[in-house]
Amino acid sequence: MMITLGDLIFQLFAFLVPLTFIIVIIVMVRSSTRKREQIEKLEARVEDLERRIK
């Protein structure tokens, strides 16, 4: 039984495409979480400055 180059390329492609989608989703979720945390920190700082001004 011999594996041809075409079969090998197809198998790699079939493995890498779903893996790429999973990695992209994970990166997007982590980035969104970090941005949300930064916004919350910034809002807290703005509120603190507003209290100091009054």
Foldseek 3Di string as FASTA:
>chain_A
DDDDPVNVVVVVVVVVPVVVVVVVVVVVVVVVVVVVVVVVVVVVVVVVVVVVVD
